[in-house]
Amino acid sequence: MKNGKLILWLLLSITAASAGSAWAHDRGRGGPRVGVYFGYSTFYPWYGPPPYYYPPTVIVRPEPQVYIERAVPPPAPQAQVYWHYCNNPPGYYPYVKECPGGWLQVVPTPPPN
């Protein structure tokens, strides 16, 4: 039991001494200090570099995409549409069903406005 109290008192003393020296340093007091420090602190950069180094992150921006518009192919020529006209009896197919003299091919024209 006595050993446990002694160990506890030593740990508390060391902790108080290290905290006091750190507070004294923050207030700008000089002189030697006694303390126990674990790890690296970014608040005290004079203790040396961190134990390992992270390389800088390299960001490579991709080139912007270039879109090439294809030329629109010309439309295929449409087959010419004809109406069929008969002279005897006069009229257009399908109104005239038979034409003994032969059918004439006529290019259709739009009606006048």
C-alpha atoms as a PDB file:
ATOM      1  CA  MET A   1       0.000   0.000   0.000  1.00  0.00           C
ATOM      2  CA  LYS A   2       2.830   2.362   0.833  1.00  0.00           C
ATOM      3  CA  ASN A   3       4.520   1.613  -2.487  1.00  0.00           C
ATOM      4  CA  GLY A   4       1.309   2.487  -4.359  1.00  0.00           C
ATOM      5  CA  LYS A   5       1.033   5.848  -2.590  1.00  0.00           C
ATOM      6  CA  LEU A   6       4.688   6.583  -3.309  1.00  0.00           C
ATOM      7  CA  ILE A   7       4.287   5.797  -7.013  1.00  0.00           C
ATOM      8  CA  LEU A   8       1.165   7.920  -7.199  1.00  0.00           C
ATOM      9  CA  TRP A   9       2.942  10.823  -5.468  1.00  0.00           C
ATOM     10  CA  LEU A  10       5.896  10.550  -7.889  1.00  0.00           C
ATOM     11  CA  LEU A  11       3.625  10.539 -10.936  1.00  0.00           C
ATOM     12  CA  LEU A  12       1.709  13.569  -9.685  1.00  0.00           C
ATOM     13  CA  SER A  13       4.946  15.408  -8.935  1.00  0.00           C
ATOM     14  CA  ILE A  14       6.392  14.707 -12.377  1.00  0.00           C
ATOM     15  CA  THR A  15       3.153  15.760 -14.031  1.00  0.00           C
ATOM     16  CA  ALA A  16       2.989  18.995 -12.034  1.00  0.00           C
ATOM     17  CA  ALA A  17       6.650  19.770 -12.790  1.00  0.00           C
ATOM     18  CA  SER A  18       6.228  19.240 -16.510  1.00  0.00           C
ATOM     19  CA  ALA A  19       3.018  21.288 -16.621  1.00  0.00           C
ATOM     20  CA  GLY A  20       4.619  24.082 -14.614  1.00  0.00           C
ATOM     21  CA  SER A  21       7.639  24.268 -16.884  1.00  0.00           C
ATOM     22  CA  ALA A  22       5.400  24.370 -19.943  1.00  0.00           C
ATOM     23  CA  TRP A  23       3.336  27.193 -18.448  1.00  0.00           C
ATOM     24  CA  ALA A  24       6.493  29.038 -17.489  1.00  0.00           C
ATOM     25  CA  HIS A  25       7.735  28.773 -21.040  1.00  0.00           C
ATOM     26  CA  ASP A  26       4.469  30.145 -22.422  1.00  0.00           C
ATOM     27  CA  ARG A  27       4.855  33.207 -20.187  1.00  0.00           C
ATOM     28  CA  GLY A  28       8.297  33.896 -21.652  1.00  0.00           C
ATOM     29  CA  ARG A  29      10.447  33.048 -18.630  1.00  0.00           C
ATOM     30  CA  GLY A  30      13.889  31.773 -19.393  1.00  0.00           C
ATOM     31  CA  GLY A  31      16.147  29.283 -17.657  1.00  0.00           C
ATOM     32  CA  PRO A  32      16.487  25.516 -17.530  1.00  0.00           C
ATOM     33  CA  ARG A  33      13.394  23.383 -17.397  1.00  0.00           C
ATOM     34  CA  VAL A  34      12.618  19.859 -16.364  1.00  0.00           C
ATOM     35  CA  GLY A  35       9.701  18.035 -17.908  1.00  0.00           C
ATOM     36  CA  VAL A  36       8.484  14.903 -19.564  1.00  0.00           C
ATOM     37  CA  TYR A  37       7.113  15.256 -23.089  1.00  0.00           C
ATOM     38  CA  PHE A  38       5.496  12.547 -25.157  1.00  0.00           C
ATOM     39  CA  GLY A  39       5.278  12.811 -28.930  1.00  0.00           C
ATOM     40  CA  TYR A  40       5.588  15.923 -31.065  1.00  0.00           C
ATOM     41  CA  SER A  41       3.690  19.098 -30.425  1.00  0.00           C
ATOM     42  CA  THR A  42       2.920  21.635 -33.139  1.00  0.00           C
ATOM     43  CA  PHE A  43       2.917  24.334 -30.445  1.00  0.00           C
ATOM     44  CA  TYR A  44       6.645  23.823 -29.834  1.00  0.00           C
ATOM     45  CA  PRO A  45       8.311  23.625 -33.260  1.00  0.00           C
ATOM     46  CA  TRP A  46      11.845  23.904 -31.815  1.00  0.00           C
ATOM     47  CA  TYR A  47      11.748  20.297 -30.637  1.00  0.00           C
ATOM     48  CA  GLY A  48      12.489  19.130 -34.160  1.00  0.00           C
ATOM     49  CA  PRO A  49      10.624  17.804 -37.143  1.00  0.00           C
ATOM     50  CA  PRO A  50       7.810  15.317 -36.816  1.00  0.00           C
ATOM     51  CA  PRO A  51       8.879  11.679 -36.747  1.00  0.00           C
ATOM     52  CA  TYR A  52       7.666  11.072 -40.303  1.00  0.00           C
ATOM     53  CA  TYR A  53       7.034  13.212 -43.323  1.00  0.00           C
ATOM     54  CA  TYR A  54       3.896  13.413 -45.429  1.00  0.00           C
ATOM     55  CA  PRO A  55       4.707  14.309 -49.049  1.00  0.00           C
ATOM     56  CA  PRO A  56       2.665  17.170 -50.486  1.00  0.00           C
ATOM     57  CA  THR A  57      -0.525  16.228 -52.257  1.00  0.00           C
ATOM     58  CA  VAL A  58      -0.145  16.522 -56.006  1.00  0.00           C
ATOM     59  CA  ILE A  59      -3.315  17.471 -57.838  1.00  0.00           C
ATOM     60  CA  VAL A  60      -3.292  16.911 -61.581  1.00  0.00           C
ATOM     61  CA  ARG A  61      -6.159  18.632 -63.319  1.00  0.00           C
ATOM     62  CA  PRO A  62      -7.369  16.745 -66.382  1.00  0.00           C
ATOM     63  CA  GLU A  63      -7.340  18.463 -69.714  1.00  0.00           C
ATOM     64  CA  PRO A  64     -10.730  19.849 -70.707  1.00  0.00           C
ATOM     65  CA  GLN A  65     -12.645  17.623 -73.059  1.00  0.00           C
ATOM     66  CA  VAL A  66     -12.731  18.724 -76.666  1.00  0.00           C
ATOM     67  CA  TYR A  67     -15.834  17.890 -78.613  1.00  0.00           C
ATOM     68  CA  ILE A  68     -15.510  17.565 -82.369  1.00  0.00           C
ATOM     69  CA  GLU A  69     -18.775  18.040 -84.178  1.00  0.00           C
ATOM     70  CA  ARG A  70     -19.196  15.758 -87.107  1.00  0.00           C
ATOM     71  CA  ALA A  71     -20.448  17.198 -90.326  1.00  0.00           C
ATOM     72  CA  VAL A  72     -24.050  16.355 -91.013  1.00  0.00           C
ATOM     73  CA  PRO A  73     -24.200  14.164 -94.092  1.00  0.00           C
ATOM     74  CA  PRO A  74     -26.274  15.636 -96.885  1.00  0.00           C
ATOM     75  CA  PRO A  75     -29.745  14.184 -97.073  1.00  0.00           C
ATOM     76  CA  ALA A  76     -30.229  11.422 -99.588  1.00  0.00           C
ATOM     77  CA  PRO A  77     -31.933  12.640-102.728  1.00  0.00           C
ATOM     78  CA  GLN A  78     -35.606  11.841-102.572  1.00  0.00           C
ATOM     79  CA  ALA A  79     -37.149   9.892-105.312  1.00  0.00           C
ATOM     80  CA  GLN A  80     -39.198  12.112-107.576  1.00  0.00           C
ATOM     81  CA  VAL A  81     -42.912  11.714-107.008  1.00  0.00           C
ATOM     82  CA  TYR A  82     -45.183  11.881-110.056  1.00  0.00           C
ATOM     83  CA  TRP A  83     -48.886  12.029-110.591  1.00  0.00           C
ATOM     84  CA  HIS A  84     -50.318  10.013-113.422  1.00  0.00           C
ATOM     85  CA  TYR A  85     -52.569  11.836-115.901  1.00  0.00           C
ATOM     86  CA  CYS A  86     -54.684  10.409-118.683  1.00  0.00           C
ATOM     87  CA  ASN A  87     -55.697  12.436-121.796  1.00  0.00           C
ATOM     88  CA  ASN A  88     -58.574  10.220-122.877  1.00  0.00           C
ATOM     89  CA  PRO A  89     -60.679  10.162-120.642  1.00  0.00           C
ATOM     90  CA  PRO A  90     -59.104  13.254-119.000  1.00  0.00           C
ATOM     91  CA  GLY A  91     -58.223  12.929-115.292  1.00  0.00           C
ATOM     92  CA  TYR A  92     -55.715  11.805-112.712  1.00  0.00           C
ATOM     93  CA  TYR A  93     -55.226   8.380-111.225  1.00  0.00           C
ATOM     94  CA  PRO A  94     -56.998   7.060-108.967  1.00  0.00           C
ATOM     95  CA  TYR A  95     -60.054   9.009-110.203  1.00  0.00           C
ATOM     96  CA  VAL A  96     -59.576   7.490-113.654  1.00  0.00           C
ATOM     97  CA  LYS A  97     -58.964   3.786-113.335  1.00  0.00           C
ATOM     98  CA  GLU A  98     -57.993   2.889-116.921  1.00  0.00           C
ATOM     99  CA  CYS A  99     -56.177   4.878-119.595  1.00  0.00           C
ATOM    100  CA  PRO A 100     -56.142   3.206-123.052  1.00  0.00           C
ATOM    101  CA  GLY A 101     -53.753   5.869-124.516  1.00  0.00           C
ATOM    102  CA  GLY A 102     -51.147   5.498-121.713  1.00  0.00           C
ATOM    103  CA  TRP A 103     -50.444   7.463-118.595  1.00  0.00           C
ATOM    104  CA  LEU A 104     -48.431  10.703-118.554  1.00  0.00           C
ATOM    105  CA  GLN A 105     -46.150  11.368-115.601  1.00  0.00           C
ATOM    106  CA  VAL A 106     -46.760  14.884-114.244  1.00  0.00           C
ATOM    107  CA  VAL A 107     -44.722  16.642-111.531  1.00  0.00           C
ATOM    108  CA  PRO A 108     -47.217  17.683-108.850  1.00  0.00           C
ATOM    109  CA  THR A 109     -47.570  21.402-108.222  1.00  0.00           C
ATOM    110  CA  PRO A 110     -48.884  22.936-105.003  1.00  0.00           C
ATOM    111  CA  PRO A 111     -52.283  24.581-105.201  1.00  0.00           C
ATOM    112  CA  PRO A 112     -52.300  28.392-105.532  1.00  0.00           C
ATOM    113  CA  ASN A 113     -52.931  30.375-102.378  1.00  0.00           C
END
